[in-house]
PDB file of N, CA and C in Angstrom:
ATOM      1  N   UNK A   1      91.687 110.651  39.338  1.00  0.00           N
ATOM      2  CA  UNK A   1      93.034 110.519  38.803  1.00  0.00           C
ATOM      3  C   UNK A   1      93.980 111.507  39.460  1.00  0.00           C
ATOM      4  N   UNK A   2      95.239 111.108  39.533  1.00  0.00           N
ATOM      5  CA  UNK A   2      96.298 111.956  40.080  1.00  0.00           C
ATOM      6  C   UNK A   2      97.339 112.161  38.988  1.00  0.00           C
ATOM      7  N   UNK A   3      97.725 113.387  38.791  1.00  0.00           N
ATOM      8  CA  UNK A   3      98.757 113.696  37.802  1.00  0.00           C
ATOM      9  C   UNK A   3     100.034 114.126  38.523  1.00  0.00           C
ATOM     10  N   UNK A   4     101.142 113.630  38.019  1.00  0.00           N
ATOM     11  CA  UNK A   4     102.449 113.928  38.596  1.00  0.00           C
ATOM     12  C   UNK A   4     103.356 114.439  37.492  1.00  0.00           C
ATOM     13  N   UNK A   5     103.984 115.581  37.720  1.00  0.00           N
ATOM     14  CA  UNK A   5     104.876 116.156  36.717  1.00  0.00           C
ATOM     15  C   UNK A   5     106.194 116.510  37.383  1.00  0.00           C
ATOM     16  N   UNK A   6     107.259 115.832  36.938  1.00  0.00           N
ATOM     17  CA  UNK A   6     108.590 116.070  37.487  1.00  0.00           C
ATOM     18  C   UNK A   6     109.330 117.148  36.708  1.00  0.00           C
ATOM     19  N   UNK A   7     110.280 117.773  37.380  1.00  0.00           N
ATOM     20  CA  UNK A   7     111.178 118.728  36.734  1.00  0.00           C
ATOM     21  C   UNK A   7     112.443 118.833  37.570  1.00  0.00           C
ATOM     22  N   UNK A   8     113.447 119.504  37.006  1.00  0.00           N
ATOM     23  CA  UNK A   8     114.662 119.762  37.766  1.00  0.00           C
ATOM     24  C   UNK A   8     115.866 118.929  37.395  1.00  0.00           C
ATOM     25  N   UNK A   9     115.682 117.967  36.508  1.00  0.00           N
ATOM     26  CA  UNK A   9     116.816 117.160  36.093  1.00  0.00           C
ATOM     27  C   UNK A   9     117.766 117.947  35.217  1.00  0.00           C
ATOM     28  N   UNK A  10     118.909 117.341  34.915  1.00  0.00           N
ATOM     29  CA  UNK A  10     119.875 118.005  34.054  1.00  0.00           C
ATOM     30  C   UNK A  10     121.207 117.302  34.042  1.00  0.00           C
ATOM     31  N   UNK A  11     122.162 117.926  33.392  1.00  0.00           N
ATOM     32  CA  UNK A  11     123.523 117.411  33.306  1.00  0.00           C
ATOM     33  C   UNK A  11     124.384 118.168  34.310  1.00  0.00           C
ATOM     34  N   UNK A  12     124.987 117.445  35.239  1.00  0.00           N
ATOM     35  CA  UNK A  12     125.831 118.064  36.259  1.00  0.00           C
ATOM     36  C   UNK A  12     127.127 117.276  36.383  1.00  0.00           C
ATOM     37  N   UNK A  13     128.061 117.841  37.136  1.00  0.00           N
ATOM     38  CA  UNK A  13     129.331 117.161  37.376  1.00  0.00           C
ATOM     39  C   UNK A  13     129.295 116.455  38.731  1.00  0.00           C
ATOM     40  N   UNK A  14     130.141 115.471  38.862  1.00  0.00           N
ATOM     41  CA  UNK A  14     130.249 114.755  40.129  1.00  0.00           C
ATOM     42  C   UNK A  14     130.542 115.748  41.251  1.00  0.00           C
ATOM     43  N   UNK A  15     129.832 115.587  42.361  1.00  0.00           N
ATOM     44  CA  UNK A  15     129.978 116.474  43.489  1.00  0.00           C
ATOM     45  C   UNK A  15     128.961 117.599  43.534  1.00  0.00           C
ATOM     46  N   UNK A  16     128.276 117.827  42.426  1.00  0.00           N
ATOM     47  CA  UNK A  16     127.268 118.878  42.370  1.00  0.00           C
ATOM     48  C   UNK A  16     125.988 118.443  43.081  1.00  0.00           C
ATOM     49  N   UNK A  17     125.047 119.387  43.143  1.00  0.00           N
ATOM     50  CA  UNK A  17     123.749 119.134  43.749  1.00  0.00           C
ATOM     51  C   UNK A  17     122.635 119.437  42.750  1.00  0.00           C
ATOM     52  N   UNK A  18     121.498 118.800  42.970  1.00  0.00           N
ATOM     53  CA  UNK A  18     120.305 119.050  42.161  1.00  0.00           C
ATOM     54  C   UNK A  18     119.091 118.932  43.062  1.00  0.00           C
ATOM     55  N   UNK A  19     118.051 119.684  42.740  1.00  0.00           N
ATOM     56  CA  UNK A  19     116.779 119.503  43.422  1.00  0.00           C
ATOM     57  C   UNK A  19     115.710 119.184  42.387  1.00  0.00           C
ATOM     58  N   UNK A  20     115.140 118.001  42.536  1.00  0.00           N
ATOM     59  CA  UNK A  20     114.040 117.598  41.679  1.00  0.00           C
ATOM     60  C   UNK A  20     112.714 117.995  42.312  1.00  0.00           C
ATOM     61  N   UNK A  21     111.758 118.336  41.462  1.00  0.00           N
ATOM     62  CA  UNK A  21     110.421 118.697  41.940  1.00  0.00           C
ATOM     63  C   UNK A  21     109.386 117.814  41.262  1.00  0.00           C
ATOM     64  N   UNK A  22     108.264 117.635  41.929  1.00  0.00           N
ATOM     65  CA  UNK A  22     107.154 116.866  41.377  1.00  0.00           C
ATOM     66  C   UNK A  22     105.867 117.540  41.833  1.00  0.00           C
ATOM     67  N   UNK A  23     105.151 118.101  40.883  1.00  0.00           N
ATOM     68  CA  UNK A  23     103.885 118.755  41.201  1.00  0.00           C
ATOM     69  C   UNK A  23     102.760 117.731  41.126  1.00  0.00           C
ATOM     70  N   UNK A  24     101.953 117.678  42.169  1.00  0.00           N
ATOM     71  CA  UNK A  24     100.844 116.738  42.267  1.00  0.00           C
ATOM     72  C   UNK A  24      99.539 117.482  42.024  1.00  0.00           C
ATOM     73  N   UNK A  25      98.738 116.980  41.110  1.00  0.00           N
ATOM     74  CA  UNK A  25      97.442 117.602  40.844  1.00  0.00           C
ATOM     75  C   UNK A  25      96.382 116.528  40.628  1.00  0.00           C
ATOM     76  N   UNK A  26      95.147 116.985  40.539  1.00  0.00           N
ATOM     77  CA  UNK A  26      94.047 116.048  40.374  1.00  0.00           C
ATOM     78  C   UNK A  26      93.508 115.597  41.713  1.00  0.00           C
ATOM     79  N   UNK A  27      92.861 114.462  41.734  1.00  0.00           N
ATOM     80  CA  UNK A  27      92.297 113.944  42.970  1.00  0.00           C
ATOM     81  C   UNK A  27      93.415 113.522  43.911  1.00  0.00           C
ATOM     82  N   UNK A  28      93.369 113.961  45.132  1.00  0.00           N
ATOM     83  CA  UNK A  28      94.363 113.563  46.123  1.00  0.00           C
ATOM     84  C   UNK A  28      93.653 112.884  47.286  1.00  0.00           C
ATOM     85  N   UNK A  29      94.407 112.268  48.125  1.00  0.00           N
ATOM     86  CA  UNK A  29      93.861 111.488  49.214  1.00  0.00           C
ATOM     87  C   UNK A  29      94.398 112.005  50.537  1.00  0.00           C
ATOM     88  N   UNK A  30      93.643 111.781  51.551  1.00  0.00           N
ATOM     89  CA  UNK A  30      94.010 112.329  52.849  1.00  0.00           C
ATOM     90  C   UNK A  30      95.317 111.757  53.364  1.00  0.00           C
ATOM     91  N   UNK A  31      95.486 110.479  53.218  1.00  0.00           N
ATOM     92  CA  UNK A  31      96.665 109.848  53.787  1.00  0.00           C
ATOM     93  C   UNK A  31      97.300 108.946  52.742  1.00  0.00           C
ATOM     94  N   UNK A  32      98.386 109.413  52.169  1.00  0.00           N
ATOM     95  CA  UNK A  32      99.070 108.577  51.199  1.00  0.00           C
ATOM     96  C   UNK A  32     100.555 108.872  51.247  1.00  0.00           C
ATOM     97  N   UNK A  33     101.310 108.083  50.537  1.00  0.00           N
ATOM     98  CA  UNK A  33     102.760 108.221  50.505  1.00  0.00           C
ATOM     99  C   UNK A  33     103.203 108.630  49.113  1.00  0.00           C
ATOM    100  N   UNK A  34     104.307 109.321  49.071  1.00  0.00           N
ATOM    101  CA  UNK A  34     104.928 109.692  47.807  1.00  0.00           C
ATOM    102  C   UNK A  34     106.343 109.144  47.797  1.00  0.00           C
ATOM    103  N   UNK A  35     106.820 108.845  46.601  1.00  0.00           N
ATOM    104  CA  UNK A  35     108.166 108.303  46.519  1.00  0.00           C
ATOM    105  C   UNK A  35     108.899 108.764  45.280  1.00  0.00           C
ATOM    106  N   UNK A  36     110.200 108.647  45.353  1.00  0.00           N
ATOM    107  CA  UNK A  36     111.065 108.851  44.190  1.00  0.00           C
ATOM    108  C   UNK A  36     111.708 107.511  43.839  1.00  0.00           C
ATOM    109  N   UNK A  37     111.685 107.205  42.562  1.00  0.00           N
ATOM    110  CA  UNK A  37     112.368 106.033  42.028  1.00  0.00           C
ATOM    111  C   UNK A  37     113.320 106.504  40.936  1.00  0.00           C
ATOM    112  N   UNK A  38     114.232 105.644  40.549  1.00  0.00           N
ATOM    113  CA  UNK A  38     115.105 105.967  39.428  1.00  0.00           C
ATOM    114  C   UNK A  38     115.410 104.720  38.622  1.00  0.00           C
ATOM    115  N   UNK A  39     115.692 104.929  37.347  1.00  0.00           N
ATOM    116  CA  UNK A  39     116.045 103.825  36.472  1.00  0.00           C
ATOM    117  C   UNK A  39     117.330 104.166  35.741  1.00  0.00           C
ATOM    118  N   UNK A  40     118.456 103.593  36.184  1.00  0.00           N
ATOM    119  CA  UNK A  40     119.727 103.818  35.500  1.00  0.00           C
ATOM    120  C   UNK A  40     119.704 103.164  34.126  1.00  0.00           C
ATOM    121  N   UNK A  41     120.568 103.600  33.224  1.00  0.00           N
ATOM    122  CA  UNK A  41     120.602 103.010  31.879  1.00  0.00           C
ATOM    123  C   UNK A  41     120.841 101.506  31.940  1.00  0.00           C
ATOM    124  N   UNK A  42     119.980 100.752  31.281  1.00  0.00           N
ATOM    125  CA  UNK A  42     120.139  99.317  31.209  1.00  0.00           C
ATOM    126  C   UNK A  42     119.813  98.555  32.472  1.00  0.00           C
ATOM    127  N   UNK A  43     119.255  99.242  33.463  1.00  0.00           N
ATOM    128  CA  UNK A  43     118.942  98.584  34.735  1.00  0.00           C
ATOM    129  C   UNK A  43     117.469  98.745  35.080  1.00  0.00           C
ATOM    130  N   UNK A  44     117.048  98.019  36.108  1.00  0.00           N
ATOM    131  CA  UNK A  44     115.663  98.107  36.541  1.00  0.00           C
ATOM    132  C   UNK A  44     115.429  99.356  37.389  1.00  0.00           C
ATOM    133  N   UNK A  45     114.182  99.743  37.442  1.00  0.00           N
ATOM    134  CA  UNK A  45     113.804 100.867  38.272  1.00  0.00           C
ATOM    135  C   UNK A  45     113.972 100.500  39.739  1.00  0.00           C
ATOM    136  N   UNK A  46     114.486 101.443  40.523  1.00  0.00           N
ATOM    137  CA  UNK A  46     114.746 101.180  41.937  1.00  0.00           C
ATOM    138  C   UNK A  46     114.233 102.310  42.807  1.00  0.00           C
ATOM    139  N   UNK A  47     113.905 101.943  44.026  1.00  0.00           N
ATOM    140  CA  UNK A  47     113.415 102.911  45.003  1.00  0.00           C
ATOM    141  C   UNK A  47     114.551 103.812  45.457  1.00  0.00           C
ATOM    142  N   UNK A  48     114.240 105.105  45.649  1.00  0.00           N
ATOM    143  CA  UNK A  48     115.227 106.067  46.123  1.00  0.00           C
ATOM    144  C   UNK A  48     114.848 106.615  47.498  1.00  0.00           C
ATOM    145  N   UNK A  49     113.630 107.153  47.599  1.00  0.00           N
ATOM    146  CA  UNK A  49     113.212 107.775  48.861  1.00  0.00           C
ATOM    147  C   UNK A  49     111.692 107.860  48.897  1.00  0.00           C
ATOM    148  N   UNK A  50     111.142 107.909  50.114  1.00  0.00           N
ATOM    149  CA  UNK A  50     109.706 108.010  50.260  1.00  0.00           C
ATOM    150  C   UNK A  50     109.332 108.920  51.418  1.00  0.00           C
ATOM    151  N   UNK A  51     108.088 109.395  51.403  1.00  0.00           N
ATOM    152  CA  UNK A  51     107.613 110.286  52.446  1.00  0.00           C
ATOM    153  C   UNK A  51     106.117 110.077  52.650  1.00  0.00           C
ATOM    154  N   UNK A  52     105.708 110.067  53.907  1.00  0.00           N
ATOM    155  CA  UNK A  52     104.279 110.064  54.209  1.00  0.00           C
ATOM    156  C   UNK A  52     103.787 111.484  54.057  1.00  0.00           C
ATOM    157  N   UNK A  53     102.782 111.666  53.176  1.00  0.00           N
ATOM    158  CA  UNK A  53     102.392 113.034  52.834  1.00  0.00           C
ATOM    159  C   UNK A  53     101.844 113.794  54.038  1.00  0.00           C
ATOM    160  N   UNK A  54     101.140 113.121  54.899  1.00  0.00           N
ATOM    161  CA  UNK A  54     100.517 113.805  56.037  1.00  0.00           C
ATOM    162  C   UNK A  54     101.513 114.087  57.151  1.00  0.00           C
ATOM    163  N   UNK A  55     102.279 113.058  57.533  1.00  0.00           N
ATOM    164  CA  UNK A  55     103.153 113.211  58.692  1.00  0.00           C
ATOM    165  C   UNK A  55     104.515 113.776  58.343  1.00  0.00           C
ATOM    166  N   UNK A  56     104.942 113.614  57.087  1.00  0.00           N
ATOM    167  CA  UNK A  56     106.273 114.063  56.703  1.00  0.00           C
ATOM    168  C   UNK A  56     107.373 113.074  57.044  1.00  0.00           C
ATOM    169  N   UNK A  57     106.994 111.911  57.563  1.00  0.00           N
ATOM    170  CA  UNK A  57     107.983 110.885  57.887  1.00  0.00           C
ATOM    171  C   UNK A  57     108.680 110.413  56.612  1.00  0.00           C
ATOM    172  N   UNK A  58     110.004 110.288  56.656  1.00  0.00           N
ATOM    173  CA  UNK A  58     110.781 109.956  55.457  1.00  0.00           C
ATOM    174  C   UNK A  58     111.568 108.664  55.615  1.00  0.00           C
ATOM    175  N   UNK A  59     111.940 108.082  54.484  1.00  0.00           N
ATOM    176  CA  UNK A  59     112.763 106.874  54.485  1.00  0.00           C
ATOM    177  C   UNK A  59     113.504 106.830  53.159  1.00  0.00           C
ATOM    178  N   UNK A  60     114.685 106.172  53.173  1.00  0.00           N
ATOM    179  CA  UNK A  60     115.594 106.238  52.036  1.00  0.00           C
ATOM    180  C   UNK A  60     116.196 104.881  51.704  1.00  0.00           C
ATOM    181  N   UNK A  61     116.612 104.770  50.447  1.00  0.00           N
ATOM    182  CA  UNK A  61     117.451 103.641  50.056  1.00  0.00           C
ATOM    183  C   UNK A  61     118.857 103.889  50.597  1.00  0.00           C
ATOM    184  N   UNK A  62     119.560 102.823  50.903  1.00  0.00           N
ATOM    185  CA  UNK A  62     120.913 102.960  51.450  1.00  0.00           C
ATOM    186  C   UNK A  62     121.844 103.705  50.488  1.00  0.00           C
ATOM    187  N   UNK A  63     121.598 103.562  49.186  1.00  0.00           N
ATOM    188  CA  UNK A  63     122.491 104.157  48.187  1.00  0.00           C
ATOM    189  C   UNK A  63     122.482 105.685  48.211  1.00  0.00           C
ATOM    190  N   UNK A  64     121.428 106.291  48.746  1.00  0.00           N
ATOM    191  CA  UNK A  64     121.338 107.759  48.756  1.00  0.00           C
ATOM    192  C   UNK A  64     121.255 108.329  50.162  1.00  0.00           C
ATOM    193  N   UNK A  65     121.145 107.472  51.160  1.00  0.00           N
ATOM    194  CA  UNK A  65     120.997 107.941  52.537  1.00  0.00           C
ATOM    195  C   UNK A  65     122.186 108.809  52.918  1.00  0.00           C
ATOM    196  N   UNK A  66     121.911 109.965  53.495  1.00  0.00           N
ATOM    197  CA  UNK A  66     122.956 110.888  53.890  1.00  0.00           C
ATOM    198  C   UNK A  66     123.326 111.891  52.807  1.00  0.00           C
ATOM    199  N   UNK A  67     122.945 111.616  51.567  1.00  0.00           N
ATOM    200  CA  UNK A  67     123.237 112.537  50.456  1.00  0.00           C
ATOM    201  C   UNK A  67     121.971 113.172  49.887  1.00  0.00           C
ATOM    202  N   UNK A  68     120.834 112.608  50.222  1.00  0.00           N
ATOM    203  CA  UNK A  68     119.579 113.087  49.630  1.00  0.00           C
ATOM    204  C   UNK A  68     118.543 113.361  50.703  1.00  0.00           C
ATOM    205  N   UNK A  69     117.660 114.294  50.390  1.00  0.00           N
ATOM    206  CA  UNK A  69     116.568 114.634  51.306  1.00  0.00           C
ATOM    207  C   UNK A  69     115.271 114.743  50.523  1.00  0.00           C
ATOM    208  N   UNK A  70     114.283 113.973  50.931  1.00  0.00           N
ATOM    209  CA  UNK A  70     112.955 114.080  50.336  1.00  0.00           C
ATOM    210  C   UNK A  70     112.109 114.980  51.232  1.00  0.00           C
ATOM    211  N   UNK A  71     111.314 115.819  50.609  1.00  0.00           N
ATOM    212  CA  UNK A  71     110.460 116.726  51.378  1.00  0.00           C
ATOM    213  C   UNK A  71     109.232 117.068  50.561  1.00  0.00           C
ATOM    214  N   UNK A  72     108.258 117.708  51.209  1.00  0.00           N
ATOM    215  CA  UNK A  72     107.076 118.128  50.475  1.00  0.00           C
ATOM    216  C   UNK A  72     106.605 119.477  50.983  1.00  0.00           C
ATOM    217  N   UNK A  73     106.027 120.229  50.058  1.00  0.00           N
ATOM    218  CA  UNK A  73     105.386 121.484  50.411  1.00  0.00           C
ATOM    219  C   UNK A  73     103.895 121.205  50.354  1.00  0.00           C
ATOM    220  N   UNK A  74     103.302 121.099  51.519  1.00  0.00           N
ATOM    221  CA  UNK A  74     101.893 120.717  51.625  1.00  0.00           C
ATOM    222  C   UNK A  74     100.994 121.705  50.893  1.00  0.00           C
ATOM    223  N   UNK A  75     101.293 122.992  51.032  1.00  0.00           N
ATOM    224  CA  UNK A  75     100.450 124.024  50.431  1.00  0.00           C
ATOM    225  C   UNK A  75     100.555 124.044  48.912  1.00  0.00           C
ATOM    226  N   UNK A  76     101.742 123.729  48.397  1.00  0.00           N
ATOM    227  CA  UNK A  76     101.968 123.764  46.953  1.00  0.00           C
ATOM    228  C   UNK A  76     101.736 122.410  46.288  1.00  0.00           C
ATOM    229  N   UNK A  77     101.414 121.403  47.097  1.00  0.00           N
ATOM    230  CA  UNK A  77     101.243 120.044  46.544  1.00  0.00           C
ATOM    231  C   UNK A  77     102.452 119.633  45.703  1.00  0.00           C
ATOM    232  N   UNK A  78     103.624 119.891  46.233  1.00  0.00           N
ATOM    233  CA  UNK A  78     104.849 119.609  45.504  1.00  0.00           C
ATOM    234  C   UNK A  78     105.786 118.753  46.340  1.00  0.00           C
ATOM    235  N   UNK A  79     106.341 117.772  45.687  1.00  0.00           N
ATOM    236  CA  UNK A  79     107.319 116.859  46.286  1.00  0.00           C
ATOM    237  C   UNK A  79     108.699 117.243  45.780  1.00  0.00           C
ATOM    238  N   UNK A  80     109.700 117.129  46.653  1.00  0.00           N
ATOM    239  CA  UNK A  80     111.065 117.479  46.268  1.00  0.00           C
ATOM    240  C   UNK A  80     112.024 116.338  46.580  1.00  0.00           C
ATOM    241  N   UNK A  81     113.120 116.330  45.843  1.00  0.00           N
ATOM    242  CA  UNK A  81     114.243 115.452  46.177  1.00  0.00           C
ATOM    243  C   UNK A  81     115.509 116.271  46.003  1.00  0.00           C
ATOM    244  N   UNK A  82     116.125 116.617  47.109  1.00  0.00           N
ATOM    245  CA  UNK A  82     117.398 117.330  47.092  1.00  0.00           C
ATOM    246  C   UNK A  82     118.511 116.296  47.084  1.00  0.00           C
ATOM    247  N   UNK A  83     119.348 116.356  46.084  1.00  0.00           N
ATOM    248  CA  UNK A  83     120.452 115.392  45.965  1.00  0.00           C
ATOM    249  C   UNK A  83     121.778 116.143  46.005  1.00  0.00           C
ATOM    250  N   UNK A  84     122.632 115.760  46.921  1.00  0.00           N
ATOM    251  CA  UNK A  84     123.946 116.378  47.075  1.00  0.00           C
ATOM    252  C   UNK A  84     125.046 115.366  46.799  1.00  0.00           C
ATOM    253  N   UNK A  85     126.243 115.876  46.597  1.00  0.00           N
ATOM    254  CA  UNK A  85     127.410 115.015  46.354  1.00  0.00           C
ATOM    255  C   UNK A  85     127.098 113.953  45.300  1.00  0.00           C
ATOM    256  N   UNK A  86     126.560 114.407  44.185  1.00  0.00           N
ATOM    257  CA  UNK A  86     126.136 113.477  43.145  1.00  0.00           C
ATOM    258  C   UNK A  86     127.320 112.701  42.582  1.00  0.00           C
ATOM    259  N   UNK A  87     127.040 111.452  42.231  1.00  0.00           N
ATOM    260  CA  UNK A  87     128.044 110.555  41.676  1.00  0.00           C
ATOM    261  C   UNK A  87     127.592 110.104  40.285  1.00  0.00           C
ATOM    262  N   UNK A  88     128.536 109.667  39.462  1.00  0.00           N
ATOM    263  CA  UNK A  88     128.130 109.165  38.131  1.00  0.00           C
ATOM    264  C   UNK A  88     127.095 108.042  38.219  1.00  0.00           C
ATOM    265  N   UNK A  89     127.161 107.240  39.262  1.00  0.00           N
ATOM    266  CA  UNK A  89     126.196 106.144  39.401  1.00  0.00           C
ATOM    267  C   UNK A  89     124.797 106.625  39.782  1.00  0.00           C
ATOM    268  N   UNK A  90     124.643 107.919  40.038  1.00  0.00           N
ATOM    269  CA  UNK A  90     123.310 108.482  40.259  1.00  0.00           C
ATOM    270  C   UNK A  90     122.620 108.802  38.932  1.00  0.00           C
ATOM    271  N   UNK A  91     123.332 108.663  37.825  1.00  0.00           N
ATOM    272  CA  UNK A  91     122.748 108.912  36.513  1.00  0.00           C
ATOM    273  C   UNK A  91     121.574 107.978  36.280  1.00  0.00           C
ATOM    274  N   UNK A  92     120.413 108.566  35.987  1.00  0.00           N
ATOM    275  CA  UNK A  92     119.193 107.768  35.825  1.00  0.00           C
ATOM    276  C   UNK A  92     118.046 108.672  35.416  1.00  0.00           C
ATOM    277  N   UNK A  93     116.971 108.027  35.011  1.00  0.00           N
ATOM    278  CA  UNK A  93     115.697 108.717  34.824  1.00  0.00           C
ATOM    279  C   UNK A  93     114.967 108.635  36.156  1.00  0.00           C
ATOM    280  N   UNK A  94     114.635 109.774  36.718  1.00  0.00           N
ATOM    281  CA  UNK A  94     114.024 109.836  38.042  1.00  0.00           C
ATOM    282  C   UNK A  94     112.516 110.059  37.917  1.00  0.00           C
ATOM    283  N   UNK A  95     111.775 109.240  38.653  1.00  0.00           N
ATOM    284  CA  UNK A  95     110.315 109.296  38.629  1.00  0.00           C
ATOM    285  C   UNK A  95     109.774 109.605  40.029  1.00  0.00           C
ATOM    286  N   UNK A  96     108.713 110.366  40.077  1.00  0.00           N
ATOM    287  CA  UNK A  96     107.971 110.430  41.329  1.00  0.00           C
ATOM    288  C   UNK A  96     106.720 109.573  41.186  1.00  0.00           C
ATOM    289  N   UNK A  97     106.235 109.087  42.310  1.00  0.00           N
ATOM    290  CA  UNK A  97     105.101 108.173  42.317  1.00  0.00           C
ATOM    291  C   UNK A  97     104.266 108.384  43.566  1.00  0.00           C
ATOM    292  N   UNK A  98     102.990 108.023  43.462  1.00  0.00           N
ATOM    293  CA  UNK A  98     102.060 108.181  44.580  1.00  0.00           C
ATOM    294  C   UNK A  98     101.447 106.847  44.960  1.00  0.00           C
ATOM    295  N   UNK A  99     101.418 106.585  46.265  1.00  0.00           N
ATOM    296  CA  UNK A  99     100.820 105.375  46.818  1.00  0.00           C
ATOM    297  C   UNK A  99      99.604 105.789  47.622  1.00  0.00           C
ATOM    298  N   UNK A 100      98.442 105.280  47.288  1.00  0.00           N
ATOM    299  CA  UNK A 100      97.219 105.694  47.968  1.00  0.00           C
ATOM    300  C   UNK A 100      96.686 104.649  48.923  1.00  0.00           C
ATOM    301  N   UNK A 101      97.481 103.650  49.207  1.00  0.00           N
ATOM    302  CA  UNK A 101      97.012 102.575  50.070  1.00  0.00           C
ATOM    303  C   UNK A 101      97.399 102.778  51.511  1.00  0.00           C
ATOM    304  N   UNK A 102      97.551 101.681  52.202  1.00  0.00           N
ATOM    305  CA  UNK A 102      97.830 101.714  53.626  1.00  0.00           C
ATOM    306  C   UNK A 102      99.142 101.039  53.976  1.00  0.00           C
ATOM    307  N   UNK A 103      99.942 100.740  52.976  1.00  0.00           N
ATOM    308  CA  UNK A 103     101.235 100.128  53.269  1.00  0.00           C
ATOM    309  C   UNK A 103     102.119 101.139  53.987  1.00  0.00           C
ATOM    310  N   UNK A 104     102.767 100.688  55.041  1.00  0.00           N
ATOM    311  CA  UNK A 104     103.664 101.562  55.772  1.00  0.00           C
ATOM    312  C   UNK A 104     105.013 101.614  55.076  1.00  0.00           C
ATOM    313  N   UNK A 105     105.405 102.779  54.641  1.00  0.00           N
ATOM    314  CA  UNK A 105     106.695 102.989  53.983  1.00  0.00           C
ATOM    315  C   UNK A 105     106.855 102.102  52.735  1.00  0.00           C
ATOM    316  N   UNK A 106     105.992 102.285  51.752  1.00  0.00           N
ATOM    317  CA  UNK A 106     106.108 101.466  50.532  1.00  0.00           C
ATOM    318  C   UNK A 106     107.415 101.743  49.797  1.00  0.00           C
ATOM    319  N   UNK A 107     108.023 100.664  49.312  1.00  0.00           N
ATOM    320  CA  UNK A 107     109.297 100.743  48.582  1.00  0.00           C
ATOM    321  C   UNK A 107     109.248 100.021  47.244  1.00  0.00           C
ATOM    322  N   UNK A 108     108.230  99.266  46.997  1.00  0.00           N
ATOM    323  CA  UNK A 108     108.167  98.464  45.769  1.00  0.00           C
ATOM    324  C   UNK A 108     107.325  99.169  44.718  1.00  0.00           C
ATOM    325  N   UNK A 109     107.724  98.994  43.470  1.00  0.00           N
ATOM    326  CA  UNK A 109     107.032  99.679  42.370  1.00  0.00           C
ATOM    327  C   UNK A 109     105.543  99.358  42.353  1.00  0.00           C
ATOM    328  N   UNK A 110     105.227  98.073  42.575  1.00  0.00           N
ATOM    329  CA  UNK A 110     103.830  97.671  42.457  1.00  0.00           C
ATOM    330  C   UNK A 110     102.958  98.241  43.572  1.00  0.00           C
ATOM    331  N   UNK A 111     103.553  98.810  44.584  1.00  0.00           N
ATOM    332  CA  UNK A 111     102.786  99.419  45.663  1.00  0.00           C
ATOM    333  C   UNK A 111     102.351 100.843  45.326  1.00  0.00           C
ATOM    334  N   UNK A 112     102.859 101.371  44.220  1.00  0.00           N
ATOM    335  CA  UNK A 112     102.531 102.736  43.829  1.00  0.00           C
ATOM    336  C   UNK A 112     101.517 102.745  42.695  1.00  0.00           C
ATOM    337  N   UNK A 113     100.577 103.666  42.789  1.00  0.00           N
ATOM    338  CA  UNK A 113      99.444 103.679  41.875  1.00  0.00           C
ATOM    339  C   UNK A 113      99.587 104.674  40.727  1.00  0.00           C
ATOM    340  N   UNK A 114     100.297 105.756  40.943  1.00  0.00           N
ATOM    341  CA  UNK A 114     100.415 106.797  39.932  1.00  0.00           C
ATOM    342  C   UNK A 114     101.888 107.156  39.748  1.00  0.00           C
ATOM    343  N   UNK A 115     102.234 107.467  38.502  1.00  0.00           N
ATOM    344  CA  UNK A 115     103.625 107.746  38.143  1.00  0.00           C
ATOM    345  C   UNK A 115     103.718 108.968  37.249  1.00  0.00           C
ATOM    346  N   UNK A 116     104.815 109.706  37.403  1.00  0.00           N
ATOM    347  CA  UNK A 116     105.113 110.779  36.478  1.00  0.00           C
ATOM    348  C   UNK A 116     105.859 110.241  35.269  1.00  0.00           C
ATOM    349  N   UNK A 117     106.217 111.147  34.365  1.00  0.00           N
ATOM    350  CA  UNK A 117     106.901 110.752  33.135  1.00  0.00           C
ATOM    351  C   UNK A 117     108.414 110.653  33.311  1.00  0.00           C
ATOM    352  N   UNK A 118     108.932 111.232  34.372  1.00  0.00           N
ATOM    353  CA  UNK A 118     110.359 111.137  34.640  1.00  0.00           C
ATOM    354  C   UNK A 118     111.131 112.382  34.223  1.00  0.00           C
ATOM    355  N   UNK A 119     112.246 112.587  34.906  1.00  0.00           N
ATOM    356  CA  UNK A 119     113.176 113.662  34.564  1.00  0.00           C
ATOM    357  C   UNK A 119     114.584 113.087  34.597  1.00  0.00           C
ATOM    358  N   UNK A 120     115.368 113.390  33.582  1.00  0.00           N
ATOM    359  CA  UNK A 120     116.691 112.765  33.428  1.00  0.00           C
ATOM    360  C   UNK A 120     117.734 113.507  34.256  1.00  0.00           C
ATOM    361  N   UNK A 121     118.508 112.731  34.994  1.00  0.00           N
ATOM    362  CA  UNK A 121     119.667 113.259  35.717  1.00  0.00           C
ATOM    363  C   UNK A 121     120.902 112.556  35.180  1.00  0.00           C
ATOM    364  N   UNK A 122     121.861 113.341  34.712  1.00  0.00           N
ATOM    365  CA  UNK A 122     123.104 112.791  34.201  1.00  0.00           C
ATOM    366  C   UNK A 122     124.261 113.428  34.955  1.00  0.00           C
ATOM    367  N   UNK A 123     125.094 112.594  35.553  1.00  0.00           N
ATOM    368  CA  UNK A 123     126.222 113.072  36.345  1.00  0.00           C
ATOM    369  C   UNK A 123     127.508 112.652  35.642  1.00  0.00           C
ATOM    370  N   UNK A 124     128.289 113.631  35.245  1.00  0.00           N
ATOM    371  CA  UNK A 124     129.550 113.335  34.565  1.00  0.00           C
ATOM    372  C   UNK A 124     130.684 113.282  35.586  1.00  0.00           C
ATOM    373  N   UNK A 125     131.680 112.473  35.276  1.00  0.00           N
ATOM    374  CA  UNK A 125     132.816 112.311  36.206  1.00  0.00           C
ATOM    375  C   UNK A 125     133.905 113.335  35.955  1.00  0.00           C
TER     376      UNK A 125
END
């Protein structure tokens, strides 16, 4: 089993920045991907950003590209999402997730095997 615990959410104003963290523990795999998803109020969960844990290769949803950076600290087994220039439409419950398969750059929810409980980000205008 893999456990994921997110932190770093909060209430901020438009234009502010936040860094979300996700600590990974339990059984890990040599080559897997990690991702951030979010679920805005009343909407479906959507992909935000992903990273190959071994290579560090990253990919993003168009909605956050240029404003967000996904990264990982290999030694600390921690995933990060740095979000800048936050907008009210970034308000959502943010989840980290782990994909242990072989899909290249997974973006769909069903491609991920493990999920955290989420951390709330609220951006006021």
